[in-house]
Protein backbone atom coordinates (compact mmCIF):
# COMPACT_ATOMS: atom_id res chain seq x y z
CA MET A 1 37.18 9.41 -15.17
CA ILE A 2 35.30 11.12 -18.02
CA THR A 3 37.44 13.01 -20.52
CA GLN A 4 35.71 16.08 -21.92
CA ALA A 5 36.26 19.53 -23.36
CA SER A 6 37.68 22.49 -21.50
CA THR A 7 35.42 24.08 -18.91
CA THR A 8 36.46 27.65 -19.69
CA LEU A 9 33.65 30.05 -20.54
CA GLU A 10 33.77 29.49 -24.28
CA ALA A 11 30.25 28.11 -24.46
CA PRO A 12 27.70 28.57 -27.19
CA VAL A 13 26.02 31.89 -26.47
CA SER A 14 22.60 30.23 -26.52
CA ALA A 15 23.08 28.29 -23.28
CA LEU A 16 23.10 30.97 -20.60
CA GLU A 17 22.39 34.26 -22.34
CA ASN A 18 18.63 34.03 -21.74
CA ALA A 19 18.80 32.45 -18.29
CA GLU A 20 17.33 34.57 -15.50
CA PHE A 21 19.55 34.94 -12.44
CA SER A 22 17.87 35.72 -9.12
CA HIS A 23 19.74 33.12 -7.10
CA GLU A 24 21.43 33.34 -3.74
CA ARG A 25 24.35 31.24 -4.89
CA VAL A 26 25.41 28.80 -7.59
CA LEU A 27 28.31 26.39 -7.27
CA VAL A 28 29.80 24.99 -10.48
CA SER A 29 32.60 22.49 -10.00
CA THR A 30 34.36 19.58 -11.65
CA GLY A 31 34.11 16.35 -9.68
CA LYS A 32 37.55 15.18 -8.62
CA ARG A 33 36.58 11.52 -9.05
CA SER A 34 34.19 11.59 -11.99
CA GLY A 35 35.53 14.53 -13.98
CA LEU A 36 31.92 15.58 -14.54
CA ILE A 37 30.74 19.17 -14.21
CA ILE A 38 28.28 19.62 -11.36
CA SER A 39 26.04 22.66 -10.90
CA VAL A 40 24.32 23.19 -7.54
CA ALA A 41 21.95 26.16 -7.68
CA VAL A 42 20.45 27.59 -4.50
CA HIS A 43 17.70 29.95 -5.57
CA SER A 44 16.16 30.86 -2.23
CA THR A 45 16.40 29.99 1.46
CA VAL A 46 13.80 32.55 2.56
CA LEU A 47 11.40 29.86 3.78
CA GLY A 48 14.12 27.48 4.96
CA GLN A 49 16.78 25.13 3.67
CA ALA A 50 16.56 24.78 -0.12
CA LEU A 51 15.19 21.42 -1.26
CA GLY A 52 15.33 20.02 -4.77
CA GLY A 53 16.42 16.90 -6.60
CA ALA A 54 19.68 15.91 -8.28
CA ARG A 55 19.41 15.49 -12.04
CA MET A 56 22.04 13.55 -14.01
CA TRP A 57 21.51 13.88 -17.74
CA ASN A 58 23.09 14.24 -21.16
CA TYR A 59 23.41 17.84 -22.38
CA PRO A 60 25.08 19.20 -25.53
CA HIS A 61 27.28 21.51 -23.45
CA TRP A 62 28.01 21.94 -19.76
CA THR A 63 26.46 25.40 -19.78
CA ASP A 64 23.16 23.84 -20.82
CA ALA A 65 23.27 21.86 -17.57
CA VAL A 66 24.05 25.00 -15.57
CA ALA A 67 21.18 26.85 -17.24
CA ASP A 68 18.88 23.94 -16.41
CA SER A 69 19.91 24.11 -12.75
CA LEU A 70 19.02 27.81 -12.71
CA ARG A 71 15.57 27.24 -14.19
CA LEU A 72 14.78 24.19 -12.11
CA SER A 73 15.92 25.71 -8.80
CA ALA A 74 13.79 28.82 -9.35
CA ALA A 75 10.81 26.57 -10.04
CA MET A 76 11.54 24.68 -6.82
CA THR A 77 11.20 27.90 -4.82
CA LEU A 78 7.69 28.35 -6.23
CA LYS A 79 6.86 24.66 -5.84
CA ASN A 80 7.88 24.42 -2.21
CA SER A 81 6.15 27.68 -1.35
CA ALA A 82 2.91 26.74 -3.13
CA ALA A 83 2.99 23.38 -1.33
CA GLY A 84 3.08 25.19 2.01
CA LEU A 85 6.51 23.83 2.96
CA ASN A 86 9.06 25.70 5.03
CA ARG A 87 11.65 24.98 2.37
CA GLY A 88 13.49 27.11 -0.15
CA GLY A 89 14.29 26.16 -3.73
CA GLY A 90 17.41 24.50 -5.08
CA LYS A 91 18.52 21.98 -7.69
CA SER A 92 21.65 20.13 -8.68
CA VAL A 93 22.46 19.03 -12.21
CA ILE A 94 25.30 16.78 -13.31
CA HIS A 95 26.37 17.19 -16.93
CA ILE A 96 26.95 14.00 -18.89
CA PRO A 97 28.38 14.70 -22.37
CA MET A 98 26.21 13.63 -25.30
CA GLY A 99 26.78 10.04 -26.35
CA VAL A 100 28.27 9.06 -22.98
CA THR A 101 26.67 6.37 -20.81
CA LEU A 102 28.03 6.10 -17.29
CA THR A 103 29.03 2.78 -15.77
CA THR A 104 27.88 1.84 -12.27
CA GLU A 105 31.28 2.84 -10.91
CA GLN A 106 31.18 6.21 -12.70
CA LYS A 107 27.70 6.92 -11.32
CA ARG A 108 29.00 6.21 -7.83
CA ASP A 109 31.92 8.60 -8.37
CA ALA A 110 29.51 11.27 -9.59
CA MET A 111 27.35 10.89 -6.49
CA LEU A 112 30.34 11.13 -4.17
CA ASP A 113 31.40 14.31 -5.99
CA LEU A 114 27.88 15.67 -5.67
CA GLY A 115 27.91 14.94 -1.96
CA ASP A 116 31.15 16.90 -1.57
CA ALA A 117 29.70 19.87 -3.47
CA ILE A 118 26.54 19.88 -1.33
CA GLU A 119 28.53 19.58 1.90
CA SER A 120 30.57 22.64 0.93
CA LEU A 121 27.38 24.74 1.01
CA ASN A 122 27.09 24.27 4.78
CA GLY A 123 23.48 23.15 4.90
CA ALA A 124 21.99 25.68 2.48
CA TYR A 125 20.69 22.91 0.21
CA MET A 126 19.30 19.40 0.59
CA THR A 127 19.10 17.08 -2.39
CA ALA A 128 17.00 14.08 -3.36
CA GLU A 129 16.52 11.92 -6.44
CA ASP A 130 15.41 13.31 -9.78
CA VAL A 131 15.74 12.43 -13.46
CA GLY A 132 18.69 10.10 -13.93
CA THR A 133 19.18 9.37 -10.24
CA SER A 134 17.51 7.11 -7.69
CA ALA A 135 17.02 6.44 -4.00
CA GLU A 136 19.92 3.99 -4.17
CA LEU A 137 22.21 6.66 -5.61
CA MET A 138 21.13 9.06 -2.88
CA SER A 139 22.53 6.60 -0.37
CA VAL A 140 25.92 7.14 -2.03
CA VAL A 141 25.53 10.91 -1.71
CA ALA A 142 24.84 10.31 1.99
CA GLU A 143 28.36 8.95 2.38
CA ARG A 144 29.65 12.49 1.90
CA THR A 145 26.90 14.70 3.35
CA GLU A 146 23.88 14.50 5.65
CA HIS A 147 21.99 16.99 3.50
CA VAL A 148 20.17 14.40 1.39
CA CYS A 149 16.76 12.77 1.71
CA GLY A 150 14.78 10.06 -0.05
CA LEU A 151 17.19 7.24 0.77
CA PRO A 152 15.92 3.65 0.35
CA ALA A 153 13.35 2.64 2.94
CA ASP A 154 15.43 -0.38 3.97
CA GLN A 155 18.15 2.08 4.97
CA GLY A 156 15.81 4.11 7.13
CA GLY A 157 15.05 6.68 4.44
CA ALA A 158 11.78 7.98 3.03
CA GLY A 159 12.18 5.93 -0.15
CA GLU A 160 10.77 6.58 -3.61
CA PRO A 161 8.62 9.79 -3.83
CA ALA A 162 7.07 8.91 -7.22
CA ASP A 163 3.89 7.50 -5.65
CA ALA A 164 3.20 10.82 -3.95
CA THR A 165 4.05 12.81 -7.07
CA ALA A 166 1.65 10.70 -9.13
CA ALA A 167 -1.06 11.03 -6.47
CA GLY A 168 -0.74 14.82 -6.57
CA VAL A 169 -1.01 14.85 -10.36
CA HIS A 170 -4.06 12.57 -10.18
CA ALA A 171 -5.71 14.95 -7.70
CA SER A 172 -4.92 17.86 -10.03
CA ILE A 173 -6.46 16.04 -12.99
CA LEU A 174 -9.64 15.55 -10.97
CA ALA A 175 -9.71 19.27 -10.15
CA THR A 176 -9.13 20.13 -13.81
CA CYS A 177 -11.94 17.83 -14.94
CA GLU A 178 -14.30 19.44 -12.46
CA ALA A 179 -13.40 22.90 -13.73
CA LEU A 180 -13.81 21.88 -17.36
CA PHE A 181 -16.67 19.41 -17.30
CA GLY A 182 -18.41 19.96 -13.96
CA THR A 183 -17.53 16.50 -12.63
CA ARG A 184 -14.53 14.64 -11.25
CA ASP A 185 -15.68 11.38 -12.79
CA LEU A 186 -12.94 10.11 -15.12
CA ALA A 187 -14.97 7.29 -16.65
CA GLY A 188 -14.75 7.59 -20.41
CA ARG A 189 -12.50 10.65 -20.34
CA HIS A 190 -9.73 10.51 -22.93
CA LEU A 191 -6.31 11.50 -21.60
CA ILE A 192 -2.93 11.56 -23.38
CA ILE A 193 0.08 10.72 -21.21
CA SER A 194 3.42 11.70 -22.71
CA GLY A 195 6.10 9.99 -20.63
CA LEU A 196 5.64 6.66 -18.83
CA GLY A 197 8.52 6.84 -16.39
CA GLN A 198 8.36 6.53 -12.61
CA VAL A 199 5.51 9.03 -12.29
CA GLY A 200 3.80 8.69 -15.68
CA GLY A 201 3.61 4.91 -15.38
CA ARG A 202 2.01 5.08 -11.94
CA LEU A 203 -0.40 7.73 -13.16
CA ALA A 204 -1.39 5.60 -16.14
CA ARG A 205 -2.34 2.78 -13.80
CA SER A 206 -4.41 4.97 -11.47
CA LEU A 207 -6.21 6.72 -14.34
CA THR A 208 -7.01 3.38 -15.98
CA ALA A 209 -8.39 2.11 -12.69
CA ALA A 210 -10.62 5.21 -12.56
CA GLY A 211 -12.08 4.36 -15.99
CA ALA A 212 -10.16 6.80 -18.18
CA VAL A 213 -9.34 6.00 -21.80
CA LEU A 214 -5.63 6.49 -22.43
CA THR A 215 -3.39 7.34 -25.33
CA VAL A 216 0.26 7.05 -24.27
CA THR A 217 3.80 7.49 -25.52
CA ASP A 218 7.39 7.45 -24.34
CA VAL A 219 10.84 7.72 -25.90
CA ASN A 220 11.55 4.31 -24.38
CA LEU A 221 9.79 1.86 -26.65
CA ASP A 222 9.89 -0.80 -23.92
CA ARG A 223 7.02 1.15 -22.34
CA LYS A 224 4.78 -0.32 -25.02
CA LEU A 225 4.46 -3.31 -22.71
CA LEU A 226 2.72 -1.14 -20.11
CA ALA A 227 0.49 0.35 -22.81
CA ALA A 228 -0.57 -3.14 -23.87
CA GLU A 229 -1.17 -4.18 -20.26
CA LEU A 230 -3.48 -1.19 -19.72
CA ASP A 231 -5.13 -1.52 -23.13
CA ALA A 232 -3.95 2.01 -23.95
CA ASN A 233 -3.42 3.33 -27.46
CA TRP A 234 0.25 3.95 -28.34
CA VAL A 235 1.37 6.84 -30.56
CA ASP A 236 4.74 8.31 -31.52
CA VAL A 237 6.10 10.99 -29.19
CA GLU A 238 5.92 13.67 -31.89
CA GLU A 239 2.23 12.93 -32.52
CA ALA A 240 0.96 12.70 -28.94
CA HIS A 241 0.17 16.37 -28.37
CA SER A 242 -1.99 16.61 -31.51
CA VAL A 243 -4.32 13.70 -30.65
CA VAL A 244 -7.93 14.77 -30.10
CA ALA A 245 -8.69 14.15 -26.43
CA ASP A 246 -9.92 15.78 -23.22
CA ILE A 247 -6.64 16.38 -21.39
CA PHE A 248 -2.95 16.32 -22.33
CA VAL A 249 -0.74 14.99 -19.50
CA PRO A 250 2.99 15.77 -20.03
CA CYS A 251 5.12 13.59 -17.75
CA GLY A 252 8.52 13.68 -19.45
CA LEU A 253 11.19 16.37 -19.60
CA GLY A 254 10.36 20.07 -19.62
CA GLY A 255 9.80 22.56 -22.40
CA VAL A 256 7.16 20.45 -24.13
CA LEU A 257 4.66 23.31 -24.47
CA SER A 258 6.39 25.18 -27.27
CA PRO A 259 4.52 27.71 -29.42
CA ARG A 260 4.06 25.04 -32.12
CA VAL A 261 2.77 22.42 -29.71
CA ILE A 262 0.34 24.90 -28.13
CA ARG A 263 -1.03 25.75 -31.59
CA GLU A 264 -1.49 22.06 -32.41
CA LEU A 265 -3.10 20.90 -29.15
CA ASN A 266 -6.55 19.34 -29.52
CA VAL A 267 -7.54 19.16 -25.86
CA SER A 268 -9.50 21.18 -23.32
CA GLY A 269 -6.89 21.06 -20.59
CA VAL A 270 -3.23 20.38 -19.82
CA VAL A 271 -2.08 19.01 -16.48
CA GLY A 272 0.97 16.83 -15.89
CA ALA A 273 4.03 15.96 -13.84
CA ALA A 274 6.75 17.42 -16.09
CA ASN A 275 8.75 20.37 -14.75
CA ASN A 276 9.05 23.66 -16.64
CA GLN A 277 6.44 22.65 -19.21
CA LEU A 278 6.25 26.07 -20.84
CA ALA A 279 9.02 26.56 -23.38
CA GLN A 280 8.35 30.30 -23.06
CA HIS A 281 6.76 32.24 -20.22
CA ASP A 282 4.10 33.69 -22.51
CA GLY A 283 2.95 30.16 -23.28
CA ALA A 284 0.45 30.56 -20.45
CA GLU A 285 -1.19 33.42 -22.35
CA ALA A 286 -1.16 31.43 -25.59
CA LEU A 287 -2.93 28.53 -23.86
CA ALA A 288 -5.51 30.86 -22.34
CA GLU A 289 -6.14 32.51 -25.70
CA ARG A 290 -6.90 29.08 -27.15
CA GLY A 291 -9.27 28.34 -24.29
CA ILE A 292 -7.07 25.53 -22.95
CA LEU A 293 -7.02 25.29 -19.16
CA TRP A 294 -3.46 24.73 -17.88
CA ALA A 295 -2.71 23.60 -14.34
CA PRO A 296 0.70 25.11 -13.44
CA ASP A 297 3.29 22.37 -13.20
CA PHE A 298 5.07 23.55 -10.06
CA VAL A 299 1.82 23.17 -8.14
CA VAL A 300 0.66 19.94 -9.76
CA ASN A 301 3.89 18.00 -9.24
CA GLY A 302 4.47 19.07 -5.64
CA GLY A 303 3.51 15.70 -4.15
CA GLY A 304 7.07 14.41 -4.22
CA VAL A 305 8.57 17.25 -2.20
CA ILE A 306 5.67 17.18 0.23
CA TYR A 307 6.33 13.49 0.79
CA LEU A 308 10.09 13.90 1.15
CA ASP A 309 9.72 16.79 3.57
CA MET A 310 7.08 15.19 5.78
CA ALA A 311 8.31 11.59 5.59
CA SER A 312 11.77 12.64 6.70
CA GLU A 313 10.43 13.78 10.06
CA PRO A 314 10.81 11.38 13.02
CA ASP A 315 7.06 11.36 13.72
CA ALA A 316 5.96 11.00 10.07
CA ASP A 317 2.26 10.17 9.68
CA ALA A 318 1.35 8.38 6.45
CA ASP A 319 -2.31 9.47 6.58
CA ALA A 320 -1.35 13.12 7.13
CA ILE A 321 1.06 12.97 4.19
CA ALA A 322 -1.61 11.44 1.93
CA LYS A 323 -4.12 14.15 2.88
CA ARG A 324 -1.57 16.89 2.27
CA VAL A 325 -0.77 15.48 -1.17
CA GLU A 326 -4.46 15.12 -2.06
CA ALA A 327 -4.96 18.76 -1.08
CA ILE A 328 -2.91 19.74 -4.14
CA GLY A 329 -6.16 19.34 -6.04
CA ASP A 330 -7.78 21.97 -3.81
CA THR A 331 -4.88 24.34 -4.49
CA VAL A 332 -5.34 23.84 -8.23
CA THR A 333 -9.05 24.64 -7.87
CA THR A 334 -8.18 27.83 -6.01
CA ILE A 335 -5.75 28.84 -8.75
CA PHE A 336 -8.39 28.28 -11.44
CA ARG A 337 -10.92 30.39 -9.50
CA ASP A 338 -8.44 33.20 -8.83
CA ALA A 339 -7.36 33.31 -12.46
CA SER A 340 -10.97 33.51 -13.65
CA ALA A 341 -12.00 36.10 -11.08
CA GLN A 342 -8.99 38.35 -11.68
CA GLY A 343 -8.81 37.93 -15.43
CA ILE A 344 -5.23 36.61 -15.33
CA THR A 345 -3.54 33.43 -16.48
CA THR A 346 -3.34 30.38 -14.26
CA LEU A 347 0.45 30.87 -14.22
CA ASP A 348 0.08 34.39 -12.84
CA ALA A 349 -2.40 33.15 -10.23
CA ALA A 350 -0.09 30.33 -9.14
CA GLU A 351 2.97 32.59 -8.98
CA ARG A 352 1.06 35.13 -6.88
CA LEU A 353 0.02 32.37 -4.50
CA ALA A 354 3.60 31.19 -4.09
CA GLN A 355 5.08 34.68 -3.86
CA SER A 356 2.61 35.68 -1.15
CA ARG A 357 4.33 33.34 1.30
CA LEU A 358 7.78 34.50 0.29
CA VAL A 359 6.90 38.19 0.70
CA THR A 360 5.10 37.59 4.00
CA THR A 361 8.12 35.72 5.35
CA ILE A 362 10.54 38.45 4.28
C-alpha cells in the first residue's frame, strides 16, 4: 500500500480553482488495496455510455489529478461527438505521488481498485487504456467490472488502439498539408514530432515512409534509437517547438501550446495526438493571429476511440474501421473550411461541430 498525505480538502488553491465543472458526476475515492486516490469523471452521457481512458500518472497533489480528470473527460465528450460515436465523455485518473514508482503488484492493486470504482457507477462509464496504463492492465480492471474495453487481443479484446490513433493523426496531417500547401504529398515536408510514445513512434514511421523529413524529441532518451533508425534529427524537448519547419506535431502530454510556445513557433501548422494541447482556451486565437493553422486535438486524435468502439462490436469489420478512422481527415478539412468561411477559430468550428450532435440529441 502507498502511504501518502491526508486527502482532506487542504490542497493548493491552484489545482481546482480554475477547473470548469459541467459534469454529470465525479467519483473521488481512495483505493482500498493500493491506497491511491482515484478520480472517475463522467462529463456527459447524452449520446450514450461515457467512454474514455484510464490515466495513471505522477502529480504534485491529488487535486491536480482530479482537475486533470475534469479537463480530459470534458474533452472526451467533444471527441466522441465529433467522431460520430454514440458515446458520452468520461475519464479516470489515478494519482501517483511525485517520486513514487509503482511495482507490478501495486499496479495490479490500482487496477482492481479502479475496476471497483467504475463498477459502482452502474454502467455510466467505460474505461480503456491511456497514459500509464496498457491493454494488459485493462484485463485486470476486467476482473472487477465489465465496463472496460481494449483488452489484449489474445484475450478476445480489441487490443492496442495506438495504430488507429496514429492513422487518424496521419490523415489529419495530410488534410492540414492540403489546406496549407495545396497538396497532400509529404515528400520533403519537414515535421517536428514531440513525443515518440505509442502513437508518436508509429506516426514517425508512417511519416518517414511517406517521405517526410523529421525532427523528433522525447523525454525518454532511449527514443534516440528510433530517431537514428529513421534518420531523424534529434533535439532537446525544450527546443523542439522553436525549430523552423512546416508542421509541429505534439504527441506527448497536454498543455504544450502555452503563450510562450505559441509566440516561439516557427511552423505553418500544428496537428498532433496530444490531448488538451492548448494551455489556455484563447491559445486558438493566438495561433490564428500568428497565421498558424491548428487542427483541434480532440478531432485529430479520435482514431483510438473510434477503433475501441467499433472493434468491440461482435460483427467488427476491419475495413469499415479503417475507413472511419481515415475520414477524420475529411472532418479536419470541414473544420478548416467552416472556420475560414465564418471568420472563427478552428477550435470554435470544431466545438460547434461536436455540440451540434449533443444539442440535436437533447
